[in-house]
Amino acid sequence: MSNLQLTNSLTRKKEIFKPNNLKKISLYACGPTVYDKPHVGNARTLVVFDVLFRVLKVLYNSNVTYVRNITDVDDKIIEASQKNNKDIDEITKDVIKIFHENCKSLNCLKPTVEPKATEHINEMIEMTLSLIKKGFAYENKNHVYFAVNTFKDYGKLSNKNLDELKSGNRIEISDLKKNPMDFVLWKPSKEKDPGWKSPWGRGRPGWHLECSAMSEKYLGKNLDIHGGGLDLIFPHHENEIAQSCCNNNTKNFANYWVHNGFVTINKEKMSKSLGNIISITDAVKKYSGQVVRLALLSAHYSQPLDWNDKLLSSQRATIEKWYQLYEKSSEEISLKEIDILLDDLNTPGFIAKIHEFFTNANKGDEKSKKLFNSACKLIGLFDLTKKEWEELKKVNKNISDDFIEKKIKERSIAKQKGDYKLADRIRDELVSNGVIIEDKKGKTTWKFK
C-alpha cells in the first residue's frame, strides 16, 4: 500500500500516517458554529477535509468514519439571536439549512456522522462529572472549570508554555477561576438562554467540551486524525486535548492533527469591520461550486490562500477548458496515479498532474482521457454533467455588455504591445463567462455561447 503522509501539527513535521486500526479509520473535523452564513474561510476547511476523506476511502476501502460536528449552542448564537430579534432555534435551523446547501454546491461528501451539540448534553455532563471526580476540574458558584495545571502537557499543540499563552492570547477573566488559564466546562444559563438541568444547576456546556464528548462517542478515546482551521489550535484544540487525555487516561487524544491555513481577501484578513466577508452562497452564485472548490484547492492546505477575482477567473477558465474532455464514466484511479496527493494532500501538484493528463488526452491518448476524468472526480470536480454545466453557465451569466467591450479593448491593447499572455488570459476569462470572441479582418466580435 502506498503511504499517506500528513503534516502533524503536534510534532510539527511530516509523518507517514499509521492508523490505529486498518479496518476502522477515524477522522474528526470541527464543523460550523451556526450563528451566521458560512464564509469562504469555512469553505476551505470543508473542502480540505472532504479531500482527505476521499483519499482515505481510496486507501482503506471505505473503512473510514468521518465525524463533522455542528455547534448549535454557543455565546455567538445567543448574541445573534438578540441582535436579530429571532429565536435561537430559528437561527440555528436556518444556518444549518444554508450550510448543507453549501456542502452540496461544493460537492462535499456527507460525513459518516454529523452530531449536533444539543443532542449530546448528557455525554458532556458525564464527562464533566468524571473530570471533577478525578481531580482535573472544580466547581465554583455553578461554574465548572478545567484546572490546566493538572495537565503537564498543556501547550504542547500550540508549542507554548503557560506564561507564553497567558501573555499572547485573550483570556476570559473571572474571579471564579483558580488560574486565569483555566477554561469553562459548564456555566449557568440566563432564564431566556438555552439551558439544561445538571448537578450544578441549569446551564450549558463550554465550547471545547462539546467536541471532546462527541468525538469520543463516535470514534473512541484515541482518534487517528483530528483537524480544523489554523485558528482552532489555541485554545480550542489545546483544551480538547487536555480534557480528553485527563478524562480517558490516554497519552494522545488524536495521533495526527491537521490544520488548514487562513483565507485572505485581496491580501486582507476577513473581518466584519472591513466588510469583506464573502459567504459561500455568494461565491457559488457568482462563480459556481466547482470553480470555488478548485480555487480552494489551488494552494496547499497548510498555506495561506488569497481570494481574489484573478484567482477565480483563472479557475473558471480552467474548469471551462476541462469540460471539453468530460466523460460521464471513468475508471478507478490507481494509487500510483495519486502519489502526489498522498504527499501531504499536495493538491497544487495533483492539479498540475490533471493538466498533464488533459494535454495528453488532447493529443488522442484515450488512457490519459480516462485518467483525467478519474482524477477530476477524485478531488470532487465534475459533479455536473457537461449538459448541466452548460445550463449552469446560462443561469450564471452575470456580466454586462459594457464589461465585455472593456475586456475586448484591454485585449486589443495587450496584443498591440506584444503581451500575448495577457491577451490570452483575457480571452480565457471571457470564455469562462460563456463569451466567444472572434477576430476577423482586424475587428473583434463576440457572442454568448
Protein backbone atom coordinates (compact mmCIF):
# COMPACT_ATOMS: atom_id res chain seq x y z
CA MET A 1 0.00 0.00 0.00
CA SER A 2 1.26 3.48 -0.84
CA ASN A 3 1.86 5.61 2.23
CA LEU A 4 -0.13 8.74 3.04
CA GLN A 5 1.98 11.45 4.66
CA LEU A 6 0.49 14.29 6.68
CA THR A 7 2.00 17.30 8.41
CA ASN A 8 1.23 16.72 12.08
CA SER A 9 0.70 19.98 13.96
CA LEU A 10 1.50 18.16 17.20
CA THR A 11 5.04 17.21 16.14
CA ARG A 12 5.43 20.00 13.56
CA LYS A 13 6.73 17.60 10.93
CA LYS A 14 5.50 15.48 8.05
CA GLU A 15 4.82 11.89 9.10
CA ILE A 16 3.67 8.65 7.50
CA PHE A 17 0.07 8.02 8.52
CA LYS A 18 -0.25 4.83 10.57
CA PRO A 19 -3.83 4.24 11.72
CA ASN A 20 -4.76 2.56 15.00
CA ASN A 21 -6.87 0.01 13.14
CA LEU A 22 -6.67 -0.61 9.37
CA LYS A 23 -10.34 -1.56 9.31
CA LYS A 24 -11.59 1.42 11.30
CA ILE A 25 -10.01 4.74 10.31
CA SER A 26 -11.21 7.68 12.43
CA LEU A 27 -11.36 11.27 11.21
CA TYR A 28 -12.87 14.19 13.13
CA ALA A 29 -13.11 17.75 11.76
CA CYS A 30 -14.59 20.68 13.63
CA GLY A 31 -17.73 21.84 11.89
CA PRO A 32 -19.57 25.18 11.94
CA THR A 33 -20.94 27.22 14.81
CA VAL A 34 -24.32 28.00 13.29
CA TYR A 35 -24.91 31.69 14.06
CA ASP A 36 -24.34 33.19 10.58
CA LYS A 37 -23.88 32.19 6.93
CA PRO A 38 -20.68 30.16 6.43
CA HIS A 39 -17.95 32.08 4.57
CA VAL A 40 -15.16 31.09 2.17
CA GLY A 41 -12.77 30.54 5.10
CA ASN A 42 -15.17 27.89 6.40
CA ALA A 43 -15.41 26.51 2.87
CA ARG A 44 -11.68 25.83 2.80
CA THR A 45 -11.89 23.63 5.90
CA LEU A 46 -14.89 21.84 4.41
CA VAL A 47 -13.16 21.11 1.10
CA VAL A 48 -9.74 20.19 2.57
CA PHE A 49 -11.19 17.56 4.90
CA ASP A 50 -13.54 16.33 2.19
CA VAL A 51 -10.48 15.61 0.00
CA LEU A 52 -8.76 13.88 2.94
CA PHE A 53 -11.90 11.78 3.47
CA ARG A 54 -11.95 10.83 -0.23
CA VAL A 55 -8.24 9.86 -0.20
CA LEU A 56 -8.67 7.77 2.96
CA LYS A 57 -11.63 5.96 1.36
CA VAL A 58 -9.47 5.05 -1.65
CA LEU A 59 -6.63 3.84 0.57
CA TYR A 60 -8.67 1.90 3.11
CA ASN A 61 -11.59 0.58 1.06
CA SER A 62 -14.20 2.81 2.65
CA ASN A 63 -13.38 1.69 6.22
CA VAL A 64 -13.41 5.33 7.30
CA THR A 65 -15.63 7.02 9.87
CA TYR A 66 -15.71 10.76 9.30
CA VAL A 67 -17.32 12.87 12.02
CA ARG A 68 -18.01 16.57 11.47
CA ASN A 69 -19.97 18.23 14.26
CA ILE A 70 -22.40 21.13 14.36
CA THR A 71 -22.11 23.56 17.27
CA ASP A 72 -25.69 24.71 17.86
CA VAL A 73 -25.31 26.10 21.39
CA ASP A 74 -22.79 28.89 21.87
CA ASP A 75 -22.45 32.51 23.05
CA LYS A 76 -22.22 33.70 19.42
CA ILE A 77 -25.59 32.11 18.65
CA ILE A 78 -27.17 33.80 21.67
CA GLU A 79 -25.69 37.15 20.58
CA ALA A 80 -27.03 36.66 17.03
CA SER A 81 -30.47 35.86 18.46
CA GLN A 82 -30.53 39.08 20.49
CA LYS A 83 -29.13 41.21 17.67
CA ASN A 84 -31.60 39.94 15.06
CA ASN A 85 -34.51 39.56 17.45
CA LYS A 86 -35.01 35.95 16.38
CA ASP A 87 -35.48 32.72 18.30
CA ILE A 88 -32.30 30.71 18.70
CA ASP A 89 -33.96 27.64 17.15
CA GLU A 90 -34.91 29.69 14.09
CA ILE A 91 -31.35 30.97 13.64
CA THR A 92 -29.69 27.56 14.03
CA LYS A 93 -32.24 25.85 11.78
CA ASP A 94 -31.81 28.46 9.01
CA VAL A 95 -27.99 28.44 9.16
CA ILE A 96 -27.81 24.63 9.19
CA LYS A 97 -30.01 24.59 6.08
CA ILE A 98 -27.69 27.07 4.34
CA PHE A 99 -24.63 25.09 5.48
CA HIS A 100 -25.99 21.87 3.98
CA GLU A 101 -26.81 23.67 0.72
CA ASN A 102 -23.22 24.98 0.68
CA CYS A 103 -21.84 21.47 1.23
CA LYS A 104 -23.90 20.20 -1.69
CA SER A 105 -22.88 23.03 -4.01
CA LEU A 106 -19.20 22.42 -3.17
CA ASN A 107 -19.75 18.69 -3.80
CA CYS A 108 -18.61 17.66 -0.33
CA LEU A 109 -19.45 14.09 0.61
CA LYS A 110 -21.73 13.66 3.59
CA PRO A 111 -19.76 12.78 6.73
CA THR A 112 -20.42 9.40 8.29
CA VAL A 113 -21.87 11.15 11.34
CA GLU A 114 -22.87 14.78 11.83
CA PRO A 115 -23.63 15.18 15.55
CA LYS A 116 -25.23 18.30 16.99
CA ALA A 117 -24.02 19.60 20.35
CA THR A 118 -27.56 19.99 21.72
CA GLU A 119 -28.19 16.27 21.16
CA HIS A 120 -25.21 15.24 23.33
CA ILE A 121 -25.66 17.23 26.53
CA ASN A 122 -25.82 14.06 28.68
CA GLU A 123 -22.40 12.94 27.41
CA MET A 124 -20.98 16.38 28.24
CA ILE A 125 -22.41 16.34 31.77
CA GLU A 126 -20.98 12.84 32.33
CA MET A 127 -17.52 13.93 31.15
CA THR A 128 -17.63 16.97 33.42
CA LEU A 129 -18.62 14.85 36.44
CA SER A 130 -15.80 12.44 35.63
CA LEU A 131 -13.20 15.24 35.40
CA ILE A 132 -14.30 16.63 38.77
CA LYS A 133 -14.16 13.18 40.38
CA LYS A 134 -10.64 12.58 39.02
CA GLY A 135 -9.39 15.92 40.31
CA PHE A 136 -8.95 17.71 36.98
CA ALA A 137 -11.88 20.11 37.33
CA TYR A 138 -13.60 22.11 40.05
CA GLU A 139 -16.97 23.76 40.62
CA ASN A 140 -17.43 27.32 41.86
CA LYS A 141 -20.82 29.04 42.06
CA ASN A 142 -22.47 26.81 39.42
CA HIS A 143 -19.49 27.15 37.06
CA VAL A 144 -17.19 24.21 36.37
CA TYR A 145 -13.61 24.85 35.23
CA PHE A 146 -10.83 22.60 34.00
CA ALA A 147 -7.64 23.15 36.01
CA VAL A 148 -4.90 23.45 33.38
CA ASN A 149 -2.05 22.97 35.87
CA THR A 150 -3.23 19.37 36.38
CA PHE A 151 -2.19 18.53 32.80
CA LYS A 152 1.58 18.69 32.36
CA ASP A 153 1.43 18.66 28.54
CA TYR A 154 -0.79 21.74 28.30
CA GLY A 155 0.51 23.95 25.47
CA LYS A 156 2.17 21.11 23.56
CA LEU A 157 -0.01 21.52 20.44
CA SER A 158 0.48 25.29 20.24
CA ASN A 159 4.15 24.83 21.25
CA LYS A 160 3.92 27.36 24.09
CA ASN A 161 4.18 27.22 27.86
CA LEU A 162 1.55 28.63 30.20
CA ASP A 163 3.27 32.00 30.63
CA GLU A 164 3.51 32.49 26.85
CA LEU A 165 -0.15 31.54 26.43
CA LYS A 166 -1.19 33.99 29.16
CA SER A 167 0.59 36.91 27.53
CA GLY A 168 -0.22 36.10 23.92
CA ASN A 169 -3.94 35.37 23.99
CA ARG A 170 -7.20 36.86 25.13
CA ILE A 171 -8.27 35.03 28.27
CA GLU A 172 -11.69 35.11 29.88
CA ILE A 173 -11.22 36.99 33.15
CA SER A 174 -13.13 35.63 36.12
CA ASP A 175 -12.67 35.74 39.89
CA LEU A 176 -14.18 32.27 40.00
CA LYS A 177 -11.06 30.71 38.44
CA LYS A 178 -8.13 29.36 40.45
CA ASN A 179 -5.84 30.10 37.49
CA PRO A 180 -6.52 32.66 34.70
CA MET A 181 -5.84 29.94 32.10
CA ASP A 182 -8.49 27.56 33.45
CA PHE A 183 -11.33 27.12 30.96
CA VAL A 184 -15.03 26.55 31.40
CA LEU A 185 -16.65 23.11 31.10
CA TRP A 186 -20.10 24.17 32.26
CA LYS A 187 -21.70 27.52 33.04
CA PRO A 188 -25.08 28.81 34.19
CA SER A 189 -27.65 29.94 31.65
CA LYS A 190 -29.78 33.04 31.93
CA GLU A 191 -33.51 32.46 32.04
CA LYS A 192 -34.07 33.22 28.34
CA ASP A 193 -30.93 31.42 27.13
CA PRO A 194 -30.71 27.72 26.23
CA GLY A 195 -30.08 25.56 29.30
CA TRP A 196 -30.24 22.04 30.65
CA LYS A 197 -30.57 20.57 34.13
CA SER A 198 -27.27 19.50 35.66
CA PRO A 199 -25.69 18.78 39.08
CA TRP A 200 -24.53 22.45 39.02
CA GLY A 201 -27.92 23.93 38.20
CA ARG A 202 -29.48 24.90 34.89
CA GLY A 203 -26.75 25.70 32.39
CA ARG A 204 -24.94 24.86 29.18
CA PRO A 205 -21.62 23.31 28.15
CA GLY A 206 -18.42 25.10 27.24
CA TRP A 207 -17.47 25.03 23.55
CA HIS A 208 -14.34 22.89 24.00
CA LEU A 209 -16.20 20.21 25.93
CA GLU A 210 -18.63 19.64 23.07
CA CYS A 211 -16.09 18.26 20.59
CA SER A 212 -14.39 16.05 23.19
CA ALA A 213 -17.67 14.42 24.18
CA MET A 214 -18.95 13.92 20.62
CA SER A 215 -15.67 12.65 19.16
CA GLU A 216 -15.29 10.09 21.96
CA LYS A 217 -18.84 8.82 21.49
CA TYR A 218 -18.39 8.11 17.78
CA LEU A 219 -14.65 7.50 17.41
CA GLY A 220 -13.38 6.33 20.79
CA LYS A 221 -10.76 7.63 23.21
CA ASN A 222 -7.85 7.78 20.76
CA LEU A 223 -8.57 9.16 17.26
CA ASP A 224 -6.44 8.78 14.17
CA ILE A 225 -6.90 12.31 12.79
CA HIS A 226 -8.42 15.48 14.22
CA GLY A 227 -8.44 18.75 12.35
CA GLY A 228 -9.84 22.13 11.54
CA GLY A 229 -8.73 25.65 10.75
CA LEU A 230 -5.41 27.04 11.98
CA ASP A 231 -7.27 29.41 14.31
CA LEU A 232 -8.54 26.44 16.36
CA ILE A 233 -5.12 25.27 17.59
CA PHE A 234 -5.43 27.52 20.63
CA PRO A 235 -7.49 27.48 22.68
CA HIS A 236 -9.99 25.03 21.21
CA HIS A 237 -7.85 22.05 20.24
CA GLU A 238 -5.38 22.60 23.08
CA ASN A 239 -8.28 22.40 25.53
CA GLU A 240 -9.79 19.37 23.84
CA ILE A 241 -6.51 17.50 24.29
CA ALA A 242 -6.25 18.44 27.97
CA GLN A 243 -9.75 17.40 28.99
CA SER A 244 -9.85 14.24 26.84
CA CYS A 245 -6.42 12.90 27.85
CA CYS A 246 -7.10 13.57 31.53
CA ASN A 247 -10.57 12.05 31.46
CA ASN A 248 -9.54 8.96 29.49
CA ASN A 249 -6.05 8.49 30.95
CA THR A 250 -4.54 8.45 27.44
CA LYS A 251 -1.22 9.82 26.21
CA ASN A 252 -2.76 11.09 22.95
CA PHE A 253 -6.27 12.28 22.19
CA ALA A 254 -5.57 12.28 18.43
CA ASN A 255 -2.43 10.86 16.81
CA TYR A 256 -2.40 13.33 13.91
CA TRP A 257 -3.51 16.95 14.00
CA VAL A 258 -4.16 18.58 10.62
CA HIS A 259 -4.83 22.31 10.26
CA ASN A 260 -5.61 24.33 7.14
CA GLY A 261 -4.31 27.87 6.61
CA PHE A 262 -6.26 31.12 6.55
CA VAL A 263 -8.11 32.65 3.61
CA THR A 264 -7.47 36.35 2.99
CA ILE A 265 -9.50 38.62 0.72
CA ASN A 266 -7.36 40.67 -1.67
CA LYS A 267 -4.42 40.34 0.77
CA GLU A 268 -6.50 41.48 3.74
CA LYS A 269 -7.79 39.48 6.68
CA MET A 270 -11.51 38.72 6.51
CA SER A 271 -13.38 40.73 9.12
CA LYS A 272 -16.78 42.26 9.69
CA SER A 273 -15.18 45.64 10.41
CA LEU A 274 -13.66 45.69 6.91
CA GLY A 275 -16.89 44.41 5.40
CA ASN A 276 -15.01 41.88 3.27
CA ILE A 277 -16.51 38.61 4.44
CA ILE A 278 -17.66 36.60 1.43
CA SER A 279 -20.28 33.93 2.09
CA ILE A 280 -20.08 30.54 0.40
CA THR A 281 -23.55 31.18 -1.00
CA ASP A 282 -22.47 34.40 -2.73
CA ALA A 283 -19.21 32.90 -4.01
CA VAL A 284 -21.00 29.91 -5.53
CA LYS A 285 -23.68 32.13 -7.06
CA LYS A 286 -21.01 34.26 -8.74
CA TYR A 287 -18.57 31.56 -9.85
CA SER A 288 -20.24 28.10 -9.40
CA GLY A 289 -19.43 25.44 -6.80
CA GLN A 290 -16.84 23.70 -8.95
CA VAL A 291 -14.88 26.88 -9.59
CA VAL A 292 -14.93 27.75 -5.88
CA ARG A 293 -13.80 24.24 -4.99
CA LEU A 294 -10.91 24.28 -7.48
CA ALA A 295 -9.83 27.71 -6.20
CA LEU A 296 -9.79 26.41 -2.62
CA LEU A 297 -7.56 23.51 -3.70
CA SER A 298 -5.20 25.65 -5.77
CA ALA A 299 -2.86 26.29 -2.81
CA HIS A 300 -1.50 23.71 -0.37
CA TYR A 301 -3.94 23.34 2.51
CA SER A 302 -1.38 24.36 5.14
CA GLN A 303 -0.52 27.63 3.37
CA PRO A 304 -2.49 30.90 3.26
CA LEU A 305 -4.86 31.36 0.31
CA ASP A 306 -5.70 34.77 -1.08
CA TRP A 307 -9.21 35.07 -2.50
CA ASN A 308 -9.43 37.49 -5.43
CA ASP A 309 -11.09 37.88 -8.82
CA LYS A 310 -7.92 36.98 -10.71
CA LEU A 311 -7.74 33.60 -8.93
CA LEU A 312 -11.41 32.86 -9.50
CA SER A 313 -11.37 33.93 -13.16
CA SER A 314 -8.36 31.69 -13.76
CA GLN A 315 -10.04 28.69 -12.13
CA ARG A 316 -13.24 29.32 -14.06
CA ALA A 317 -11.28 29.31 -17.33
CA THR A 318 -9.63 26.04 -16.29
CA ILE A 319 -12.93 24.33 -15.48
CA GLU A 320 -14.39 25.56 -18.77
CA LYS A 321 -11.43 24.14 -20.67
CA TRP A 322 -11.50 20.84 -18.79
CA TYR A 323 -15.19 20.28 -19.57
CA GLN A 324 -14.23 19.87 -23.22
CA LEU A 325 -12.97 16.38 -22.28
CA TYR A 326 -15.66 15.48 -19.73
CA GLU A 327 -16.85 11.86 -19.73
CA LYS A 328 -19.63 10.56 -17.55
CA SER A 329 -17.95 7.22 -16.95
CA SER A 330 -14.38 6.92 -15.73
CA GLU A 331 -12.23 4.11 -14.48
CA GLU A 332 -10.98 3.85 -10.90
CA ILE A 333 -7.73 5.69 -10.45
CA SER A 334 -4.74 3.68 -9.23
CA LEU A 335 -2.66 4.56 -6.16
CA LYS A 336 0.29 5.08 -8.48
CA GLU A 337 -1.52 7.97 -10.11
CA ILE A 338 -2.33 9.72 -6.81
CA ASP A 339 1.15 9.56 -5.27
CA ILE A 340 1.35 13.36 -5.43
CA LEU A 341 -1.86 13.64 -3.43
CA LEU A 342 -0.54 11.17 -0.84
CA ASP A 343 2.31 13.60 -0.16
CA ASP A 344 0.54 15.71 2.48
CA LEU A 345 -2.53 16.28 0.27
CA ASN A 346 -0.49 18.15 -2.32
CA THR A 347 -3.48 19.42 -4.31
CA PRO A 348 -1.50 22.00 -6.37
CA GLY A 349 0.80 19.18 -7.54
CA PHE A 350 -2.19 16.95 -8.26
CA ILE A 351 -3.90 19.72 -10.25
CA ALA A 352 -0.69 20.07 -12.30
CA LYS A 353 -0.95 16.30 -12.95
CA ILE A 354 -4.54 16.77 -14.14
CA HIS A 355 -3.33 19.45 -16.57
CA GLU A 356 -0.77 16.92 -17.84
CA PHE A 357 -3.48 14.29 -18.37
CA PHE A 358 -5.57 16.90 -20.19
CA THR A 359 -2.70 17.81 -22.55
CA ASN A 360 -2.01 14.15 -23.38
CA ALA A 361 -5.71 13.42 -23.82
CA ASN A 362 -5.96 16.27 -26.31
CA LYS A 363 -3.27 14.51 -28.35
CA GLY A 364 -5.57 11.50 -28.65
CA ASP A 365 -4.34 9.40 -25.70
CA GLU A 366 -7.51 7.59 -24.54
CA LYS A 367 -5.91 6.32 -21.32
CA SER A 368 -4.98 9.89 -20.36
CA LYS A 369 -8.55 10.96 -21.05
CA LYS A 370 -9.89 8.36 -18.63
CA LEU A 371 -7.25 9.22 -16.03
CA PHE A 372 -8.07 12.90 -16.48
CA ASN A 373 -11.74 12.32 -15.72
CA SER A 374 -10.96 9.99 -12.80
CA ALA A 375 -8.51 12.48 -11.29
CA CYS A 376 -11.01 15.34 -11.53
CA LYS A 377 -13.69 13.27 -9.83
CA LEU A 378 -11.29 12.09 -7.11
CA ILE A 379 -10.89 15.65 -5.81
CA GLY A 380 -14.61 16.36 -6.13
CA LEU A 381 -14.84 18.03 -9.55
CA PHE A 382 -17.11 17.11 -12.47
CA ASP A 383 -20.14 16.57 -10.22
CA LEU A 384 -22.19 18.10 -13.04
CA THR A 385 -22.54 16.55 -16.47
CA LYS A 386 -21.39 18.59 -19.44
CA LYS A 387 -25.00 19.45 -20.26
CA GLU A 388 -25.69 20.54 -16.67
CA TRP A 389 -22.53 22.67 -16.71
CA GLU A 390 -23.66 24.40 -19.90
CA GLU A 391 -27.09 25.07 -18.39
CA LEU A 392 -25.50 26.45 -15.22
CA LYS A 393 -23.40 28.86 -17.26
CA LYS A 394 -26.54 30.29 -18.86
CA VAL A 395 -28.07 30.88 -15.44
CA ASN A 396 -24.85 32.36 -14.06
CA LYS A 397 -24.30 34.93 -16.81
CA ASN A 398 -23.70 37.96 -14.65
CA ILE A 399 -21.53 40.17 -16.85
CA SER A 400 -22.70 43.19 -18.78
CA ASP A 401 -22.11 44.14 -22.42
CA ASP A 402 -20.02 47.10 -21.18
CA PHE A 403 -17.77 44.70 -19.22
CA ILE A 404 -17.25 42.54 -22.32
CA GLU A 405 -16.44 45.53 -24.54
CA LYS A 406 -13.99 46.82 -21.92
CA LYS A 407 -12.22 43.45 -21.79
CA ILE A 408 -12.01 43.25 -25.60
CA LYS A 409 -10.42 46.71 -25.65
CA GLU A 410 -7.90 45.65 -22.97
CA ARG A 411 -7.09 42.57 -25.04
CA SER A 412 -6.55 44.64 -28.17
CA ILE A 413 -4.14 46.97 -26.33
CA ALA A 414 -2.27 43.96 -24.91
CA LYS A 415 -1.86 42.50 -28.41
CA GLN A 416 -0.59 45.83 -29.76
CA LYS A 417 2.05 45.85 -27.01
CA GLY A 418 3.01 42.25 -27.82
CA ASP A 419 1.75 41.00 -24.44
CA TYR A 420 0.11 37.86 -25.83
CA LYS A 421 -0.01 36.13 -22.45
CA LEU A 422 -2.27 38.87 -21.10
CA ALA A 423 -4.34 38.78 -24.30
CA ASP A 424 -4.83 35.01 -23.92
CA ARG A 425 -5.72 35.43 -20.25
CA ILE A 426 -8.41 37.97 -21.12
CA ARG A 427 -9.77 35.64 -23.81
CA ASP A 428 -9.87 32.78 -21.26
CA GLU A 429 -11.70 34.98 -18.76
CA LEU A 430 -14.34 35.83 -21.35
CA VAL A 431 -14.68 32.19 -22.39
CA SER A 432 -15.13 31.20 -18.74
CA ASN A 433 -18.06 33.65 -18.64
CA GLY A 434 -19.63 31.99 -21.65
CA VAL A 435 -18.43 34.59 -24.17
CA ILE A 436 -16.94 33.60 -27.56
CA ILE A 437 -14.77 36.19 -29.31
CA GLU A 438 -13.72 36.11 -32.95
CA ASP A 439 -11.00 38.16 -34.68
CA LYS A 440 -11.73 38.90 -38.37
CA LYS A 441 -10.04 41.49 -40.59
CA GLY A 442 -8.70 43.46 -37.66
CA LYS A 443 -12.08 43.57 -35.90
CA THR A 444 -13.20 41.59 -32.84
CA THR A 445 -16.79 40.39 -32.46
CA TRP A 446 -18.34 38.49 -29.57
CA LYS A 447 -21.38 36.40 -28.69
CA PHE A 448 -22.64 34.27 -25.83
CA LYS A 449 -22.32 30.52 -26.24
